[in-house]
Amino acid sequence: MALTSFVVAFVLLGLASANDRECATSFAHGQHGHCVTVESCPYGYYVSGNCPSYGDEVKCCYSCHFGGCETNSSIETGAGTFSGASNVTSPNADVRATWLSRYDHPNTQFELAVTFAQLRAKGINRVYLNVWADGQIYFNSPTFESLGIRGFVRDVLGWAVEEGLKRGIEIWAWFEYGLIATWGSSPTLSVFSNTVYQRGWVKGEAKGYWWMDADNTEVLDFVAGMMQDAFDNYPGLGGVQLDEHFGQPYQLGTDLVATMNDAASHILEKVSGKVSLAPVSPPQASLLNYNMDWARWATEDIGFHEYVPKIYRDLASTFDYDLIQIIGQVGKDKLIPGIRCIGSGANTPYDVLSDMMSRCEAEGLGHSVWYSKCFTLLYPDHVHGGAQ
């Protein structure tokens, strides 16, 4: 009887000091998580799903250091702290990537070699290179040429793959414009947009751009064909990437989620190599603004090789919070967080940028920084501690 009482007491004591690992090893707002009741979490800084042992009324709170956190009798009060990040490591943990915009394309292969040397010195081992924008291509594509118009500018992708192989930088062809035909006041402003408009491929205008129809098989075959051309014509290419411009903005319809589900599946069936997706975040914003339910695509593993959500935040604390939320929704296996360095508004201070990169690394994740000039122009003398 005494032994039984001891065992019961031990179990209750263990429960009293318990905290689900998913919560305890997560990190946001500069704090590790604690499983507490919703109403007692100060300022409502909590996420759902990280305290599975305790029911729906208990959430993972990241603000217990302000005081007031309460739990039921079987859960820890949240007064203590936890050390150490999650030991779950993504297969993409070693990725240190950046995007190279078409506005920064070199005019010669030598210029690109110099840029790549600078990036490699900063630890960059992957570049998402813009090859498709505003009806112009920066690689050889028989699919585009089949339209009977000129859109080829120069073969930047060929230079990049060659120079990348020399320097240990993996090149992915970024199809920035996705389903966008052109920008401006008319769908017929450029040769390409006028051509596809006459073919009935253009769905409408939104956000200052004219968008092709994701429900049109000819449109999808055209985009998939260009992506496949990149794989066929450039041995050594790491993969191809789409972003939110592959979506359909809500201004074109708020009932296009099923259309985008089908469009994504169509592309993935047609393209033989690795396809990356760089959507806006959080996932709900992508769903509401672009009809792209990428969180579901990730959890159901419809075929994208990776997801590079643009967690473009000004503050490290906000980035931390959103990162943990996204990890909770889609996991880590295919996640490579996108980080803002340069963008609208003030540039991200280097110490904040470094904190964001470190947070990804602490979670066993790689990262991609927007964009290459962050390393070659804005912070040429800084080397992040995680650079390899």
Protein backbone atom coordinates (compact mmCIF):
# COMPACT_ATOMS: atom_id res chain seq x y z
CA MET A 1 0.00 0.00 0.00
CA ALA A 2 2.82 2.37 0.89
CA LEU A 3 4.53 1.57 -2.40
CA THR A 4 1.31 2.21 -4.31
CA SER A 5 0.90 5.58 -2.60
CA PHE A 6 4.48 6.45 -3.49
CA VAL A 7 3.91 5.60 -7.14
CA VAL A 8 0.70 7.66 -7.29
CA ALA A 9 2.43 10.60 -5.63
CA PHE A 10 5.34 10.33 -8.07
CA VAL A 11 3.01 10.33 -11.07
CA LEU A 12 1.11 13.36 -9.80
CA LEU A 13 4.36 15.17 -9.10
CA GLY A 14 5.57 14.38 -12.59
CA LEU A 15 2.38 15.75 -14.08
CA ALA A 16 2.62 18.88 -11.98
CA SER A 17 6.01 19.73 -13.43
CA ALA A 18 5.23 18.63 -16.99
CA ASN A 19 5.21 20.78 -20.10
CA ASP A 20 4.73 19.28 -23.57
CA ARG A 21 7.99 19.16 -25.47
CA GLU A 22 6.45 20.79 -28.55
CA CYS A 23 5.76 23.86 -26.43
CA ALA A 24 8.73 23.80 -24.06
CA THR A 25 11.29 23.69 -26.85
CA SER A 26 9.58 26.32 -29.02
CA PHE A 27 10.61 29.95 -28.90
CA ALA A 28 8.94 33.31 -29.66
CA HIS A 29 9.04 36.89 -28.40
CA GLY A 30 12.38 36.05 -26.80
CA GLN A 31 10.82 33.37 -24.57
CA HIS A 32 10.31 29.62 -24.52
CA GLY A 33 6.74 28.36 -24.39
CA HIS A 34 4.66 27.20 -21.42
CA CYS A 35 1.41 25.23 -21.48
CA VAL A 36 -1.16 27.44 -19.72
CA THR A 37 -4.85 28.32 -19.92
CA VAL A 38 -5.84 30.73 -22.67
CA GLU A 39 -7.30 33.36 -20.37
CA SER A 40 -4.16 33.55 -18.23
CA CYS A 41 -1.65 34.05 -21.07
CA PRO A 42 -0.62 37.75 -20.92
CA TYR A 43 -1.45 39.72 -24.08
CA GLY A 44 -2.61 36.53 -25.78
CA TYR A 45 0.84 35.60 -27.10
CA TYR A 46 0.09 31.92 -27.62
CA VAL A 47 -0.23 29.31 -30.35
CA SER A 48 -2.49 26.29 -30.57
CA GLY A 49 -1.49 22.69 -31.08
CA ASN A 50 1.72 22.60 -29.05
CA CYS A 51 0.16 21.27 -25.82
CA PRO A 52 -1.59 18.12 -27.05
CA SER A 53 -1.56 16.44 -23.63
CA TYR A 54 -3.80 19.01 -21.98
CA GLY A 55 -6.87 19.64 -24.15
CA ASP A 56 -8.19 22.59 -26.13
CA GLU A 57 -8.30 25.08 -23.25
CA VAL A 58 -4.54 25.00 -22.78
CA LYS A 59 -2.22 26.76 -25.24
CA CYS A 60 1.51 27.31 -25.62
CA CYS A 61 2.12 30.79 -24.17
CA TYR A 62 5.25 32.90 -24.79
CA SER A 63 4.58 35.75 -22.36
CA CYS A 64 4.56 34.10 -18.93
CA HIS A 65 7.54 36.26 -17.93
CA PHE A 66 5.01 39.11 -17.56
CA GLY A 67 3.33 37.11 -14.78
CA GLY A 68 -0.20 35.82 -14.35
CA CYS A 69 0.06 32.48 -16.13
CA GLU A 70 -2.19 29.88 -14.55
CA THR A 71 -2.81 26.23 -15.20
CA ASN A 72 -4.93 23.45 -13.82
CA SER A 73 -3.50 21.21 -11.10
CA SER A 74 -1.85 18.82 -13.51
CA ILE A 75 0.21 21.37 -15.43
CA GLU A 76 3.26 23.38 -14.52
CA THR A 77 2.67 27.03 -13.60
CA GLY A 78 5.02 28.38 -16.20
CA ALA A 79 7.25 30.10 -13.70
CA GLY A 80 10.36 28.26 -14.84
CA THR A 81 12.31 28.57 -18.05
CA PHE A 82 13.53 26.02 -20.54
CA SER A 83 16.79 25.93 -22.42
CA GLY A 84 17.72 24.51 -25.77
CA ALA A 85 15.98 24.64 -29.14
CA SER A 86 14.13 21.77 -30.74
CA ASN A 87 16.49 19.04 -31.87
CA VAL A 88 14.39 18.34 -34.95
CA THR A 89 16.52 19.26 -37.96
CA SER A 90 15.20 19.93 -41.45
CA PRO A 91 16.79 18.17 -44.44
CA ASN A 92 17.36 21.73 -45.70
CA ALA A 93 19.10 22.90 -42.53
CA ASP A 94 22.32 23.72 -44.38
CA VAL A 95 20.67 25.95 -46.99
CA ARG A 96 21.93 29.55 -46.93
CA ALA A 97 20.12 31.16 -49.85
CA THR A 98 19.33 34.49 -51.41
CA TRP A 99 17.38 35.79 -54.41
CA LEU A 100 19.05 37.49 -57.39
CA SER A 101 16.65 39.99 -58.97
CA ARG A 102 16.54 40.66 -62.70
CA TYR A 103 17.42 44.27 -61.89
CA ASP A 104 20.77 42.99 -60.64
CA HIS A 105 21.47 40.67 -63.54
CA PRO A 106 25.01 41.04 -64.86
CA ASN A 107 25.79 41.96 -68.43
CA THR A 108 28.66 39.49 -68.63
CA GLN A 109 29.57 36.14 -67.12
CA PHE A 110 32.62 37.74 -65.49
CA GLU A 111 30.39 40.18 -63.59
CA LEU A 112 28.29 37.27 -62.35
CA ALA A 113 31.43 35.41 -61.26
CA VAL A 114 32.43 38.41 -59.13
CA THR A 115 28.97 38.55 -57.53
CA PHE A 116 29.00 34.83 -56.79
CA ALA A 117 32.46 35.11 -55.21
CA GLN A 118 31.10 37.80 -52.88
CA LEU A 119 28.04 35.74 -52.00
CA ARG A 120 30.03 32.59 -51.35
CA ALA A 121 32.31 34.51 -49.00
CA LYS A 122 29.19 35.37 -46.98
CA GLY A 123 28.23 31.71 -46.71
CA ILE A 124 25.60 31.69 -49.48
CA ASN A 125 25.29 28.23 -51.05
CA ARG A 126 22.08 28.68 -53.05
CA VAL A 127 20.77 31.41 -55.36
CA TYR A 128 17.20 31.74 -56.61
CA LEU A 129 17.85 33.45 -59.95
CA ASN A 130 15.06 35.39 -61.66
CA VAL A 131 14.61 33.98 -65.17
CA TRP A 132 11.02 35.00 -66.04
CA ALA A 133 9.58 38.50 -65.66
CA ASP A 134 7.26 40.80 -67.63
CA GLY A 135 7.26 38.67 -70.76
CA GLN A 136 11.05 38.36 -70.86
CA ILE A 137 13.20 35.28 -70.29
CA TYR A 138 16.82 34.99 -69.21
CA PHE A 139 17.37 31.42 -70.39
CA ASN A 140 16.71 29.34 -73.50
CA SER A 141 13.11 28.15 -73.71
CA PRO A 142 11.61 26.44 -76.77
CA THR A 143 8.22 26.70 -75.05
CA PHE A 144 8.41 30.49 -75.03
CA GLU A 145 9.76 30.59 -78.57
CA SER A 146 6.74 28.57 -79.72
CA LEU A 147 4.67 31.73 -79.26
CA GLY A 148 6.47 33.18 -82.28
CA ILE A 149 7.64 36.32 -80.47
CA ARG A 150 10.94 37.52 -79.06
CA GLY A 151 11.37 37.60 -75.30
CA PHE A 152 14.89 36.26 -74.80
CA VAL A 153 17.26 38.83 -73.25
CA ARG A 154 20.46 36.92 -72.46
CA ASP A 155 21.37 33.54 -71.02
CA VAL A 156 21.99 34.53 -67.41
CA LEU A 157 20.87 31.10 -66.23
CA GLY A 158 23.60 29.42 -68.27
CA TRP A 159 26.25 31.66 -66.74
CA ALA A 160 24.84 31.10 -63.26
CA VAL A 161 24.79 27.31 -63.46
CA GLU A 162 28.37 27.26 -64.77
CA GLU A 163 29.71 29.69 -62.16
CA GLY A 164 27.66 28.11 -59.39
CA LEU A 165 29.15 24.69 -60.04
CA LYS A 166 32.63 26.21 -59.75
CA ARG A 167 31.90 27.85 -56.39
CA GLY A 168 29.57 25.46 -54.61
CA ILE A 169 26.46 27.59 -55.16
CA GLU A 170 23.33 25.70 -56.18
CA ILE A 171 21.21 27.56 -58.74
CA TRP A 172 17.42 27.45 -58.81
CA ALA A 173 15.51 29.15 -61.63
CA TRP A 174 13.01 31.56 -60.07
CA PHE A 175 9.96 32.19 -62.27
CA GLU A 176 9.04 35.44 -60.58
CA TYR A 177 6.13 36.49 -62.78
CA GLY A 178 4.40 33.12 -62.56
CA LEU A 179 0.93 33.78 -64.00
CA ILE A 180 1.46 37.52 -64.48
CA ALA A 181 1.35 38.66 -68.10
CA THR A 182 2.40 42.28 -67.51
CA TRP A 183 1.93 45.31 -65.27
CA GLY A 184 0.35 48.66 -66.08
CA SER A 185 -2.90 50.10 -67.35
CA SER A 186 -3.51 47.73 -70.26
CA PRO A 187 -3.11 43.99 -70.90
CA THR A 188 -1.66 44.73 -74.34
CA LEU A 189 1.28 46.95 -73.36
CA SER A 190 4.00 44.39 -74.08
CA VAL A 191 4.45 42.04 -77.01
CA PHE A 192 4.04 39.02 -74.75
CA SER A 193 0.97 40.28 -72.89
CA ASN A 194 -0.71 41.32 -76.14
CA THR A 195 -0.02 37.87 -77.59
CA VAL A 196 -1.51 35.97 -74.66
CA TYR A 197 -4.40 38.44 -74.39
CA GLN A 198 -5.32 37.69 -78.00
CA ARG A 199 -5.23 33.98 -77.14
CA GLY A 200 -7.73 34.48 -74.33
CA TRP A 201 -5.24 33.62 -71.59
CA VAL A 202 -5.68 36.80 -69.51
CA LYS A 203 -8.19 36.63 -66.66
CA GLY A 204 -8.08 40.22 -65.40
CA GLU A 205 -6.29 43.00 -63.53
CA ALA A 206 -5.38 43.02 -59.84
CA LYS A 207 -2.73 44.73 -57.72
CA GLY A 208 -1.50 46.69 -60.75
CA TYR A 209 -0.81 43.55 -62.81
CA TRP A 210 -2.63 41.60 -65.51
CA TRP A 211 -2.95 37.95 -64.55
CA MET A 212 -3.28 34.88 -66.72
CA ASP A 213 -6.04 32.40 -65.94
CA ALA A 214 -5.07 29.53 -63.62
CA ASP A 215 -8.11 27.62 -64.86
CA ASN A 216 -6.80 27.61 -68.44
CA THR A 217 -4.87 24.43 -69.29
CA GLU A 218 -2.96 26.19 -72.09
CA VAL A 219 -1.67 28.75 -69.59
CA LEU A 220 -0.55 26.08 -67.14
CA ASP A 221 1.09 24.03 -69.88
CA PHE A 222 2.97 27.15 -71.01
CA VAL A 223 4.35 27.88 -67.54
CA ALA A 224 5.14 24.22 -66.87
CA GLY A 225 6.78 23.95 -70.29
CA MET A 226 9.14 26.83 -69.56
CA MET A 227 10.04 25.30 -66.21
CA GLN A 228 10.73 21.94 -67.83
CA ASP A 229 12.87 23.68 -70.47
CA ALA A 230 15.09 24.94 -67.66
CA PHE A 231 15.69 21.39 -66.46
CA ASP A 232 16.15 19.99 -69.95
CA ASN A 233 18.58 22.66 -71.16
CA TYR A 234 20.66 23.28 -68.03
CA PRO A 235 22.20 20.14 -66.48
CA GLY A 236 23.27 20.95 -62.94
CA LEU A 237 20.24 23.14 -62.22
CA GLY A 238 19.09 22.53 -58.65
CA GLY A 239 15.41 23.29 -59.14
CA VAL A 240 12.80 25.85 -60.16
CA GLN A 241 10.74 28.20 -58.01
CA LEU A 242 7.33 29.85 -58.11
CA ASP A 243 6.03 32.45 -55.66
CA GLU A 244 2.73 34.20 -54.88
CA HIS A 245 2.57 35.45 -58.48
CA PHE A 246 1.55 31.93 -59.39
CA GLY A 247 -1.67 32.64 -57.49
CA GLN A 248 -4.94 34.35 -58.32
CA PRO A 249 -5.54 37.55 -56.28
CA TYR A 250 -8.83 37.84 -54.45
CA GLN A 251 -9.81 40.73 -56.76
CA LEU A 252 -10.20 38.12 -59.51
CA GLY A 253 -12.47 36.02 -57.29
CA THR A 254 -12.61 34.75 -53.73
CA ASP A 255 -13.78 31.29 -54.80
CA LEU A 256 -10.64 30.24 -56.66
CA VAL A 257 -9.02 28.04 -54.00
CA ALA A 258 -10.04 24.83 -55.76
CA THR A 259 -8.77 26.29 -59.04
CA MET A 260 -5.38 26.96 -57.47
CA ASN A 261 -5.29 23.49 -55.91
CA ASP A 262 -5.78 22.01 -59.37
CA ALA A 263 -3.29 24.42 -60.95
CA ALA A 264 -0.57 23.48 -58.46
CA SER A 265 -1.17 19.78 -59.04
CA HIS A 266 -1.08 20.30 -62.82
CA ILE A 267 2.29 22.05 -62.68
CA LEU A 268 3.77 19.42 -60.38
CA GLU A 269 2.62 16.62 -62.67
CA LYS A 270 4.18 18.28 -65.73
CA VAL A 271 7.56 19.28 -64.30
CA SER A 272 10.05 16.49 -63.68
CA GLY A 273 12.50 18.24 -61.34
CA LYS A 274 12.33 19.87 -57.91
CA VAL A 275 9.79 22.68 -57.61
CA SER A 276 10.04 25.24 -54.82
CA LEU A 277 7.26 27.58 -53.66
CA ALA A 278 7.92 30.96 -52.02
CA PRO A 279 4.48 32.13 -50.83
CA VAL A 280 3.49 35.05 -48.63
CA SER A 281 3.04 34.36 -44.94
CA PRO A 282 1.31 33.58 -42.73
CA PRO A 283 -0.57 30.89 -44.67
CA GLN A 284 -3.92 32.56 -43.98
CA ALA A 285 -2.72 35.72 -45.75
CA SER A 286 -1.77 33.64 -48.78
CA LEU A 287 -5.17 31.97 -48.78
CA LEU A 288 -7.12 35.22 -48.45
CA ASN A 289 -5.03 37.32 -50.83
CA TYR A 290 -3.98 34.82 -53.50
CA ASN A 291 -6.33 31.82 -53.10
CA MET A 292 -3.22 29.72 -52.39
CA ASP A 293 -3.74 27.23 -49.57
CA TRP A 294 -0.08 26.37 -49.26
CA ALA A 295 -0.34 25.16 -45.66
CA ARG A 296 -2.68 22.42 -46.86
CA TRP A 297 -0.38 21.70 -49.79
CA ALA A 298 2.48 21.26 -47.34
CA THR A 299 0.63 19.08 -44.83
CA GLU A 300 -0.82 16.91 -47.60
CA ASP A 301 2.56 16.87 -49.38
CA ILE A 302 1.15 17.44 -52.87
CA GLY A 303 4.61 17.47 -54.43
CA PHE A 304 6.48 20.73 -53.84
CA HIS A 305 10.07 19.98 -52.86
CA GLU A 306 10.21 22.89 -50.39
CA TYR A 307 8.36 25.93 -49.10
CA VAL A 308 10.17 29.26 -48.65
CA PRO A 309 7.52 31.46 -46.98
CA LYS A 310 8.31 35.15 -46.99
CA ILE A 311 8.34 35.93 -43.27
CA TYR A 312 9.32 39.52 -43.99
CA ARG A 313 9.19 41.26 -40.61
CA ASP A 314 10.92 44.35 -39.21
CA LEU A 315 11.44 42.97 -35.70
CA ALA A 316 13.15 39.78 -34.62
CA SER A 317 10.45 39.17 -32.00
CA THR A 318 7.68 39.33 -34.61
CA PHE A 319 9.68 37.05 -36.88
CA ASP A 320 10.13 34.57 -34.01
CA TYR A 321 6.42 34.49 -33.30
CA ASP A 322 5.41 33.99 -36.93
CA LEU A 323 8.10 31.37 -37.48
CA ILE A 324 6.82 29.27 -34.57
CA GLN A 325 3.26 29.58 -35.84
CA ILE A 326 4.29 28.39 -39.30
CA ILE A 327 6.32 25.49 -37.90
CA GLY A 328 3.24 24.48 -35.93
CA GLN A 329 1.14 24.49 -39.09
CA VAL A 330 3.42 22.87 -41.66
CA GLY A 331 6.34 21.31 -39.77
CA LYS A 332 10.02 21.65 -40.62
CA ASP A 333 10.78 18.97 -43.20
CA LYS A 334 10.25 21.20 -46.26
CA LEU A 335 10.53 24.61 -44.63
CA ILE A 336 13.14 27.24 -45.53
CA PRO A 337 12.07 30.58 -44.01
CA GLY A 338 12.44 33.70 -46.13
CA ILE A 339 13.92 36.70 -44.29
CA ARG A 340 13.69 40.38 -45.21
CA CYS A 341 16.86 42.46 -45.43
CA ILE A 342 15.99 45.03 -48.09
CA GLY A 343 12.47 46.06 -49.00
CA SER A 344 9.90 48.82 -48.76
CA GLY A 345 10.72 51.07 -45.83
CA ALA A 346 13.93 51.05 -43.85
CA ASN A 347 16.47 48.28 -44.37
CA THR A 348 16.69 45.65 -41.65
CA PRO A 349 19.58 46.43 -39.25
CA TYR A 350 22.26 43.78 -39.43
CA ASP A 351 21.94 42.73 -35.78
CA VAL A 352 18.21 42.10 -36.31
CA LEU A 353 18.89 40.23 -39.55
CA SER A 354 21.52 38.12 -37.82
CA ASP A 355 19.08 37.33 -34.99
CA MET A 356 16.51 36.11 -37.52
CA MET A 357 19.05 33.89 -39.26
CA SER A 358 20.19 32.54 -35.90
CA ARG A 359 16.61 31.73 -34.90
CA CYS A 360 16.18 29.65 -38.05
CA GLU A 361 19.44 27.83 -37.38
CA ALA A 362 18.48 27.19 -33.75
CA GLU A 363 15.32 25.50 -35.03
CA GLY A 364 17.36 23.29 -37.35
CA LEU A 365 16.26 25.24 -40.43
CA GLY A 366 18.04 26.85 -43.34
CA HIS A 367 17.03 30.32 -44.57
CA SER A 368 16.85 32.57 -47.62
CA VAL A 369 17.44 36.32 -47.46
CA TRP A 370 15.78 38.90 -49.69
CA TYR A 371 17.86 39.78 -51.61
CA SER A 372 21.46 39.45 -52.91
CA LYS A 373 22.36 43.14 -52.52
CA CYS A 374 22.00 42.65 -48.78
CA PHE A 375 25.35 40.85 -48.91
CA THR A 376 27.07 42.52 -51.85
CA LEU A 377 26.10 46.16 -51.23
CA LEU A 378 24.32 46.84 -47.93
CA TYR A 379 26.42 44.69 -45.57
CA PRO A 380 29.51 43.70 -47.57
CA ASP A 381 31.75 43.64 -44.49
CA HIS A 382 29.51 41.49 -42.28
CA VAL A 383 29.68 37.72 -42.07
CA HIS A 384 26.94 35.96 -40.12
CA GLY A 385 28.21 33.58 -37.46
CA GLY A 386 26.40 30.71 -39.15
CA ALA A 387 28.13 31.27 -42.50
CA GLN A 388 29.85 28.20 -43.83
